[in-house]
Amino acid sequence: MRDRLHLTPGVFVDLEPMEDGLNLTPVAVNADRLPGAPKLMREGSLLVVCGPAPLNLEDVNRAIDIGRTERLGHITGEDIDPQ
């Protein structure tokens, strides 16, 4: 299947259930959403930035911007690209 769809290791796919099976679609991934990229996490009443150490100010600001954009998209029901 990987060869037929020209998928390389690490490519993300969307799976959509269909009546007669699954629809598998390769998707472009924003580097900020890759596993290990800094992101906001809730710990109790606090939001903290988690990611590989050491984090710099640019990493923290990017994680905050992405988290803000994703929350806004969730509130409005829109799919907003956090770039």
PDB file of N, CA and C in Angstrom:
ATOM      1  N   MET A   1       0.838  -1.182   0.000  1.00  0.00           N
ATOM      2  CA  MET A   1       0.000   0.000   0.000  1.00  0.00           C
ATOM      3  C   MET A   1       0.881   1.242   0.000  1.00  0.00           C
ATOM      4  N   ARG A   2       1.948   1.212   0.801  1.00  0.00           N
ATOM      5  CA  ARG A   2       2.850   2.359   0.886  1.00  0.00           C
ATOM      6  C   ARG A   2       3.434   2.693  -0.485  1.00  0.00           C
ATOM      7  N   ASP A   3       3.847   1.662  -1.226  1.00  0.00           N
ATOM      8  CA  ASP A   3       4.419   1.881  -2.555  1.00  0.00           C
ATOM      9  C   ASP A   3       3.375   2.416  -3.535  1.00  0.00           C
ATOM     10  N   ARG A   4       2.170   1.870  -3.503  1.00  0.00           N
ATOM     11  CA  ARG A   4       1.111   2.312  -4.425  1.00  0.00           C
ATOM     12  C   ARG A   4       0.760   3.779  -4.228  1.00  0.00           C
ATOM     13  N   LEU A   5       0.823   4.247  -2.965  1.00  0.00           N
ATOM     14  CA  LEU A   5       0.475   5.638  -2.667  1.00  0.00           C
ATOM     15  C   LEU A   5       1.700   6.549  -2.589  1.00  0.00           C
ATOM     16  N   HIS A   6       2.870   5.973  -2.849  1.00  0.00           N
ATOM     17  CA  HIS A   6       4.132   6.731  -2.802  1.00  0.00           C
ATOM     18  C   HIS A   6       4.338   7.380  -1.436  1.00  0.00           C
ATOM     19  N   LEU A   7       4.068   6.618  -0.385  1.00  0.00           N
ATOM     20  CA  LEU A   7       4.247   7.107   0.974  1.00  0.00           C
ATOM     21  C   LEU A   7       5.632   6.732   1.481  1.00  0.00           C
ATOM     22  N   THR A   8       6.276   7.655   2.129  1.00  0.00           N
ATOM     23  CA  THR A   8       7.573   7.381   2.740  1.00  0.00           C
ATOM     24  C   THR A   8       7.380   7.317   4.252  1.00  0.00           C
ATOM     25  N   PRO A   9       8.301   6.670   4.969  1.00  0.00           N
ATOM     26  CA  PRO A   9       8.150   6.605   6.422  1.00  0.00           C
ATOM     27  C   PRO A   9       8.046   8.006   7.019  1.00  0.00           C
ATOM     28  N   GLY A  10       7.113   8.165   7.947  1.00  0.00           N
ATOM     29  CA  GLY A  10       6.920   9.447   8.606  1.00  0.00           C
ATOM     30  C   GLY A  10       5.845  10.319   7.988  1.00  0.00           C
ATOM     31  N   VAL A  11       5.300   9.914   6.818  1.00  0.00           N
ATOM     32  CA  VAL A  11       4.219  10.684   6.202  1.00  0.00           C
ATOM     33  C   VAL A  11       2.942  10.431   6.990  1.00  0.00           C
ATOM     34  N   PHE A  12       2.229  11.494   7.306  1.00  0.00           N
ATOM     35  CA  PHE A  12       0.970  11.377   8.024  1.00  0.00           C
ATOM     36  C   PHE A  12      -0.171  11.198   7.033  1.00  0.00           C
ATOM     37  N   VAL A  13      -1.199  10.462   7.443  1.00  0.00           N
ATOM     38  CA  VAL A  13      -2.359  10.230   6.586  1.00  0.00           C
ATOM     39  C   VAL A  13      -3.640  10.492   7.371  1.00  0.00           C
ATOM     40  N   ASP A  14      -4.672  10.905   6.663  1.00  0.00           N
ATOM     41  CA  ASP A  14      -6.016  11.007   7.228  1.00  0.00           C
ATOM     42  C   ASP A  14      -6.759   9.740   6.846  1.00  0.00           C
ATOM     43  N   LEU A  15      -7.471   9.141   7.788  1.00  0.00           N
ATOM     44  CA  LEU A  15      -8.309   7.977   7.532  1.00  0.00           C
ATOM     45  C   LEU A  15      -9.761   8.398   7.693  1.00  0.00           C
ATOM     46  N   GLU A  16     -10.554   8.146   6.667  1.00  0.00           N
ATOM     47  CA  GLU A  16     -11.971   8.482   6.710  1.00  0.00           C
ATOM     48  C   GLU A  16     -12.780   7.206   6.497  1.00  0.00           C
ATOM     49  N   PRO A  17     -13.608   6.826   7.482  1.00  0.00           N
ATOM     50  CA  PRO A  17     -14.430   5.636   7.301  1.00  0.00           C
ATOM     51  C   PRO A  17     -15.444   5.852   6.185  1.00  0.00           C
ATOM     52  N   MET A  18     -15.630   4.815   5.372  1.00  0.00           N
ATOM     53  CA  MET A  18     -16.601   4.856   4.285  1.00  0.00           C
ATOM     54  C   MET A  18     -17.457   3.594   4.411  1.00  0.00           C
ATOM     55  N   GLU A  19     -18.557   3.558   3.700  1.00  0.00           N
ATOM     56  CA  GLU A  19     -19.451   2.402   3.781  1.00  0.00           C
ATOM     57  C   GLU A  19     -18.743   1.107   3.421  1.00  0.00           C
ATOM     58  N   ASP A  20     -17.893   1.153   2.400  1.00  0.00           N
ATOM     59  CA  ASP A  20     -17.248  -0.065   1.923  1.00  0.00           C
ATOM     60  C   ASP A  20     -15.769  -0.163   2.287  1.00  0.00           C
ATOM     61  N   GLY A  21     -15.294   0.636   3.248  1.00  0.00           N
ATOM     62  CA  GLY A  21     -13.892   0.557   3.662  1.00  0.00           C
ATOM     63  C   GLY A  21     -13.401   1.867   4.239  1.00  0.00           C
ATOM     64  N   LEU A  22     -12.126   2.160   3.984  1.00  0.00           N
ATOM     65  CA  LEU A  22     -11.497   3.380   4.486  1.00  0.00           C
ATOM     66  C   LEU A  22     -10.945   4.184   3.328  1.00  0.00           C
ATOM     67  N   ASN A  23     -11.002   5.496   3.449  1.00  0.00           N
ATOM     68  CA  ASN A  23     -10.348   6.391   2.502  1.00  0.00           C
ATOM     69  C   ASN A  23      -9.078   6.879   3.179  1.00  0.00           C
ATOM     70  N   LEU A  24      -7.918   6.610   2.583  1.00  0.00           N
ATOM     71  CA  LEU A  24      -6.619   6.977   3.136  1.00  0.00           C
ATOM     72  C   LEU A  24      -6.046   8.091   2.269  1.00  0.00           C
ATOM     73  N   THR A  25      -5.762   9.264   2.889  1.00  0.00           N
ATOM     74  CA  THR A  25      -5.268  10.416   2.148  1.00  0.00           C
ATOM     75  C   THR A  25      -4.012  10.955   2.810  1.00  0.00           C
ATOM     76  N   PRO A  26      -2.878  11.011   2.071  1.00  0.00           N
ATOM     77  CA  PRO A  26      -1.675  11.641   2.632  1.00  0.00           C
ATOM     78  C   PRO A  26      -1.950  13.120   2.884  1.00  0.00           C
ATOM     79  N   VAL A  27      -1.403  13.653   3.979  1.00  0.00           N
ATOM     80  CA  VAL A  27      -1.611  15.059   4.313  1.00  0.00           C
ATOM     81  C   VAL A  27      -0.280  15.758   4.505  1.00  0.00           C
ATOM     82  N   ALA A  28      -0.254  17.025   4.138  1.00  0.00           N
ATOM     83  CA  ALA A  28       0.916  17.854   4.421  1.00  0.00           C
ATOM     84  C   ALA A  28       0.858  18.193   5.900  1.00  0.00           C
ATOM     85  N   VAL A  29       1.989  18.178   6.534  1.00  0.00           N
ATOM     86  CA  VAL A  29       2.040  18.427   7.969  1.00  0.00           C
ATOM     87  C   VAL A  29       2.884  19.660   8.239  1.00  0.00           C
ATOM     88  N   ASN A  30       2.340  20.565   9.015  1.00  0.00           N
ATOM     89  CA  ASN A  30       3.089  21.717   9.481  1.00  0.00           C
ATOM     90  C   ASN A  30       4.138  21.204  10.457  1.00  0.00           C
ATOM     91  N   ALA A  31       5.371  21.629  10.314  1.00  0.00           N
ATOM     92  CA  ALA A  31       6.457  21.144  11.176  1.00  0.00           C
ATOM     93  C   ALA A  31       6.161  21.384  12.646  1.00  0.00           C
ATOM     94  N   ASP A  32       5.358  22.422  12.956  1.00  0.00           N
ATOM     95  CA  ASP A  32       5.023  22.713  14.345  1.00  0.00           C
ATOM     96  C   ASP A  32       4.136  21.647  14.965  1.00  0.00           C
ATOM     97  N   ARG A  33       3.497  20.831  14.134  1.00  0.00           N
ATOM     98  CA  ARG A  33       2.590  19.805  14.650  1.00  0.00           C
ATOM     99  C   ARG A  33       3.226  18.423  14.690  1.00  0.00           C
ATOM    100  N   LEU A  34       4.468  18.317  14.325  1.00  0.00           N
ATOM    101  CA  LEU A  34       5.141  17.026  14.356  1.00  0.00           C
ATOM    102  C   LEU A  34       5.371  16.593  15.794  1.00  0.00           C
ATOM    103  N   PRO A  35       5.440  15.265  16.032  1.00  0.00           N
ATOM    104  CA  PRO A  35       5.734  14.792  17.377  1.00  0.00           C
ATOM    105  C   PRO A  35       7.053  15.380  17.870  1.00  0.00           C
ATOM    106  N   GLY A  36       7.080  15.840  19.100  1.00  0.00           N
ATOM    107  CA  GLY A  36       8.288  16.417  19.670  1.00  0.00           C
ATOM    108  C   GLY A  36       8.365  17.923  19.535  1.00  0.00           C
ATOM    109  N   ALA A  37       7.508  18.536  18.699  1.00  0.00           N
ATOM    110  CA  ALA A  37       7.497  19.994  18.579  1.00  0.00           C
ATOM    111  C   ALA A  37       6.924  20.579  19.870  1.00  0.00           C
ATOM    112  N   PRO A  38       7.446  21.717  20.316  1.00  0.00           N
ATOM    113  CA  PRO A  38       6.909  22.326  21.538  1.00  0.00           C
ATOM    114  C   PRO A  38       5.418  22.606  21.403  1.00  0.00           C
ATOM    115  N   LYS A  39       4.669  22.369  22.486  1.00  0.00           N
ATOM    116  CA  LYS A  39       3.230  22.627  22.472  1.00  0.00           C
ATOM    117  C   LYS A  39       2.747  22.969  23.865  1.00  0.00           C
ATOM    118  N   LEU A  40       1.587  23.598  23.921  1.00  0.00           N
ATOM    119  CA  LEU A  40       0.972  23.947  25.198  1.00  0.00           C
ATOM    120  C   LEU A  40       0.268  22.733  25.778  1.00  0.00           C
ATOM    121  N   MET A  41       0.450  22.516  27.073  1.00  0.00           N
ATOM    122  CA  MET A  41      -0.223  21.430  27.775  1.00  0.00           C
ATOM    123  C   MET A  41      -0.805  22.008  29.065  1.00  0.00           C
ATOM    124  N   ARG A  42      -1.944  21.507  29.464  1.00  0.00           N
ATOM    125  CA  ARG A  42      -2.556  21.957  30.715  1.00  0.00           C
ATOM    126  C   ARG A  42      -2.065  21.060  31.850  1.00  0.00           C
ATOM    127  N   GLU A  43      -1.586  21.703  32.896  1.00  0.00           N
ATOM    128  CA  GLU A  43      -1.205  20.999  34.124  1.00  0.00           C
ATOM    129  C   GLU A  43      -1.933  21.686  35.268  1.00  0.00           C
ATOM    130  N   GLY A  44      -3.044  21.084  35.676  1.00  0.00           N
ATOM    131  CA  GLY A  44      -3.884  21.721  36.679  1.00  0.00           C
ATOM    132  C   GLY A  44      -4.493  22.977  36.103  1.00  0.00           C
ATOM    133  N   SER A  45      -4.297  24.103  36.774  1.00  0.00           N
ATOM    134  CA  SER A  45      -4.848  25.364  36.287  1.00  0.00           C
ATOM    135  C   SER A  45      -3.839  26.139  35.436  1.00  0.00           C
ATOM    136  N   LEU A  46      -2.660  25.562  35.193  1.00  0.00           N
ATOM    137  CA  LEU A  46      -1.620  26.240  34.431  1.00  0.00           C
ATOM    138  C   LEU A  46      -1.497  25.700  33.019  1.00  0.00           C
ATOM    139  N   LEU A  47      -1.106  26.555  32.085  1.00  0.00           N
ATOM    140  CA  LEU A  47      -0.692  26.125  30.757  1.00  0.00           C
ATOM    141  C   LEU A  47       0.828  26.182  30.727  1.00  0.00           C
ATOM    142  N   VAL A  48       1.452  25.077  30.350  1.00  0.00           N
ATOM    143  CA  VAL A  48       2.904  25.033  30.279  1.00  0.00           C
ATOM    144  C   VAL A  48       3.316  24.621  28.875  1.00  0.00           C
ATOM    145  N   VAL A  49       4.494  25.063  28.466  1.00  0.00           N
ATOM    146  CA  VAL A  49       5.034  24.683  27.172  1.00  0.00           C
ATOM    147  C   VAL A  49       5.909  23.462  27.381  1.00  0.00           C
ATOM    148  N   CYS A  50       5.604  22.388  26.657  1.00  0.00           N
ATOM    149  CA  CYS A  50       6.368  21.144  26.758  1.00  0.00           C
ATOM    150  C   CYS A  50       7.053  20.882  25.429  1.00  0.00           C
ATOM    151  N   GLY A  51       8.224  20.333  25.494  1.00  0.00           N
ATOM    152  CA  GLY A  51       8.948  19.993  24.279  1.00  0.00           C
ATOM    153  C   GLY A  51      10.367  19.597  24.630  1.00  0.00           C
ATOM    154  N   PRO A  52      11.145  19.295  23.611  1.00  0.00           N
ATOM    155  CA  PRO A  52      12.524  18.889  23.864  1.00  0.00           C
ATOM    156  C   PRO A  52      13.325  20.048  24.445  1.00  0.00           C
ATOM    157  N   ALA A  53      14.133  19.760  25.437  1.00  0.00           N
ATOM    158  CA  ALA A  53      14.963  20.795  26.070  1.00  0.00           C
ATOM    159  C   ALA A  53      16.215  21.007  25.233  1.00  0.00           C
ATOM    160  N   PRO A  54      16.789  22.155  25.222  1.00  0.00           N
ATOM    161  CA  PRO A  54      16.304  23.395  25.836  1.00  0.00           C
ATOM    162  C   PRO A  54      15.344  24.122  24.907  1.00  0.00           C
ATOM    163  N   LEU A  55      14.356  24.778  25.481  1.00  0.00           N
ATOM    164  CA  LEU A  55      13.417  25.594  24.715  1.00  0.00           C
ATOM    165  C   LEU A  55      13.919  27.031  24.701  1.00  0.00           C
ATOM    166  N   ASN A  56      13.771  27.694  23.572  1.00  0.00           N
ATOM    167  CA  ASN A  56      14.133  29.105  23.521  1.00  0.00           C
ATOM    168  C   ASN A  56      12.855  29.937  23.437  1.00  0.00           C
ATOM    169  N   LEU A  57      12.998  31.250  23.496  1.00  0.00           N
ATOM    170  CA  LEU A  57      11.843  32.137  23.487  1.00  0.00           C
ATOM    171  C   LEU A  57      11.024  31.980  22.218  1.00  0.00           C
ATOM    172  N   GLU A  58      11.677  31.762  21.080  1.00  0.00           N
ATOM    173  CA  GLU A  58      10.963  31.563  19.815  1.00  0.00           C
ATOM    174  C   GLU A  58      10.080  30.313  19.874  1.00  0.00           C
ATOM    175  N   ASP A  59      10.599  29.201  20.443  1.00  0.00           N
ATOM    176  CA  ASP A  59       9.812  27.974  20.601  1.00  0.00           C
ATOM    177  C   ASP A  59       8.584  28.224  21.462  1.00  0.00           C
ATOM    178  N   VAL A  60       8.773  28.931  22.571  1.00  0.00           N
ATOM    179  CA  VAL A  60       7.672  29.200  23.499  1.00  0.00           C
ATOM    180  C   VAL A  60       6.623  30.075  22.826  1.00  0.00           C
ATOM    181  N   ASN A  61       7.043  31.150  22.164  1.00  0.00           N
ATOM    182  CA  ASN A  61       6.089  32.035  21.484  1.00  0.00           C
ATOM    183  C   ASN A  61       5.331  31.310  20.379  1.00  0.00           C
ATOM    184  N   ARG A  62       6.022  30.436  19.627  1.00  0.00           N
ATOM    185  CA  ARG A  62       5.370  29.673  18.560  1.00  0.00           C
ATOM    186  C   ARG A  62       4.319  28.738  19.152  1.00  0.00           C
ATOM    187  N   ALA A  63       4.654  28.053  20.244  1.00  0.00           N
ATOM    188  CA  ALA A  63       3.706  27.140  20.884  1.00  0.00           C
ATOM    189  C   ALA A  63       2.481  27.900  21.389  1.00  0.00           C
ATOM    190  N   ILE A  64       2.695  29.088  21.950  1.00  0.00           N
ATOM    191  CA  ILE A  64       1.577  29.904  22.434  1.00  0.00           C
ATOM    192  C   ILE A  64       0.701  30.334  21.267  1.00  0.00           C
ATOM    193  N   ASP A  65       1.304  30.803  20.177  1.00  0.00           N
ATOM    194  CA  ASP A  65       0.532  31.228  19.003  1.00  0.00           C
ATOM    195  C   ASP A  65      -0.284  30.076  18.418  1.00  0.00           C
ATOM    196  N   ILE A  66       0.325  28.902  18.312  1.00  0.00           N
ATOM    197  CA  ILE A  66      -0.375  27.734  17.772  1.00  0.00           C
ATOM    198  C   ILE A  66      -1.527  27.333  18.689  1.00  0.00           C
ATOM    199  N   GLY A  67      -1.275  27.308  19.997  1.00  0.00           N
ATOM    200  CA  GLY A  67      -2.329  26.969  20.954  1.00  0.00           C
ATOM    201  C   GLY A  67      -3.480  27.946  20.885  1.00  0.00           C
ATOM    202  N   ARG A  68      -3.171  29.236  20.786  1.00  0.00           N
ATOM    203  CA  ARG A  68      -4.205  30.270  20.688  1.00  0.00           C
ATOM    204  C   ARG A  68      -5.035  30.078  19.417  1.00  0.00           C
ATOM    205  N   THR A  69      -4.363  29.839  18.307  1.00  0.00           N
ATOM    206  CA  THR A  69      -5.053  29.660  17.028  1.00  0.00           C
ATOM    207  C   THR A  69      -5.926  28.414  17.046  1.00  0.00           C
ATOM    208  N   GLU A  70      -5.407  27.307  17.610  1.00  0.00           N
ATOM    209  CA  GLU A  70      -6.194  26.076  17.683  1.00  0.00           C
ATOM    210  C   GLU A  70      -7.416  26.253  18.578  1.00  0.00           C
ATOM    211  N   ARG A  71      -7.266  26.963  19.700  1.00  0.00           N
ATOM    212  CA  ARG A  71      -8.418  27.210  20.585  1.00  0.00           C
ATOM    213  C   ARG A  71      -9.456  28.081  19.882  1.00  0.00           C
ATOM    214  N   LEU A  72      -9.000  29.105  19.152  1.00  0.00           N
ATOM    215  CA  LEU A  72      -9.923  29.961  18.408  1.00  0.00           C
ATOM    216  C   LEU A  72     -10.678  29.148  17.359  1.00  0.00           C
ATOM    217  N   GLY A  73      -9.975  28.257  16.657  1.00  0.00           N
ATOM    218  CA  GLY A  73     -10.621  27.389  15.681  1.00  0.00           C
ATOM    219  C   GLY A  73     -11.640  26.479  16.328  1.00  0.00           C
ATOM    220  N   HIS A  74     -11.312  25.973  17.507  1.00  0.00           N
ATOM    221  CA  HIS A  74     -12.238  25.095  18.226  1.00  0.00           C
ATOM    222  C   HIS A  74     -13.497  25.870  18.641  1.00  0.00           C
ATOM    223  N   ILE A  75     -13.307  27.090  19.115  1.00  0.00           N
ATOM    224  CA  ILE A  75     -14.435  27.911  19.564  1.00  0.00           C
ATOM    225  C   ILE A  75     -15.343  28.283  18.395  1.00  0.00           C
ATOM    226  N   THR A  76     -14.730  28.670  17.270  1.00  0.00           N
ATOM    227  CA  THR A  76     -15.515  29.124  16.129  1.00  0.00           C
ATOM    228  C   THR A  76     -15.966  27.987  15.225  1.00  0.00           C
ATOM    229  N   GLY A  77     -15.396  26.796  15.413  1.00  0.00           N
ATOM    230  CA  GLY A  77     -15.744  25.659  14.564  1.00  0.00           C
ATOM    231  C   GLY A  77     -15.066  25.698  13.219  1.00  0.00           C
ATOM    232  N   GLU A  78     -14.063  26.561  13.054  1.00  0.00           N
ATOM    233  CA  GLU A  78     -13.340  26.677  11.806  1.00  0.00           C
ATOM    234  C   GLU A  78     -12.023  25.931  11.895  1.00  0.00           C
ATOM    235  N   ASP A  79     -11.537  25.488  10.737  1.00  0.00           N
ATOM    236  CA  ASP A  79     -10.218  24.856  10.659  1.00  0.00           C
ATOM    237  C   ASP A  79      -9.221  25.945  10.294  1.00  0.00           C
ATOM    238  N   ILE A  80      -8.529  26.502  11.296  1.00  0.00           N
ATOM    239  CA  ILE A  80      -7.613  27.612  11.075  1.00  0.00           C
ATOM    240  C   ILE A  80      -6.182  27.074  11.080  1.00  0.00           C
ATOM    241  N   ASP A  81      -5.410  27.420  10.054  1.00  0.00           N
ATOM    242  CA  ASP A  81      -4.021  27.006   9.965  1.00  0.00           C
ATOM    243  C   ASP A  81      -3.175  27.926  10.827  1.00  0.00           C
ATOM    244  N   PRO A  82      -2.448  27.371  11.835  1.00  0.00           N
ATOM    245  CA  PRO A  82      -1.711  28.221  12.767  1.00  0.00           C
ATOM    246  C   PRO A  82      -0.415  28.799  12.234  1.00  0.00           C
ATOM    247  N   GLN A  83      -0.131  28.694  10.933  1.00  0.00           N
ATOM    248  CA  GLN A  83       1.118  29.237  10.408  1.00  0.00           C
ATOM    249  C   GLN A  83       1.100  30.693  10.631  1.00  0.00           C
TER     250      GLN A  83
END
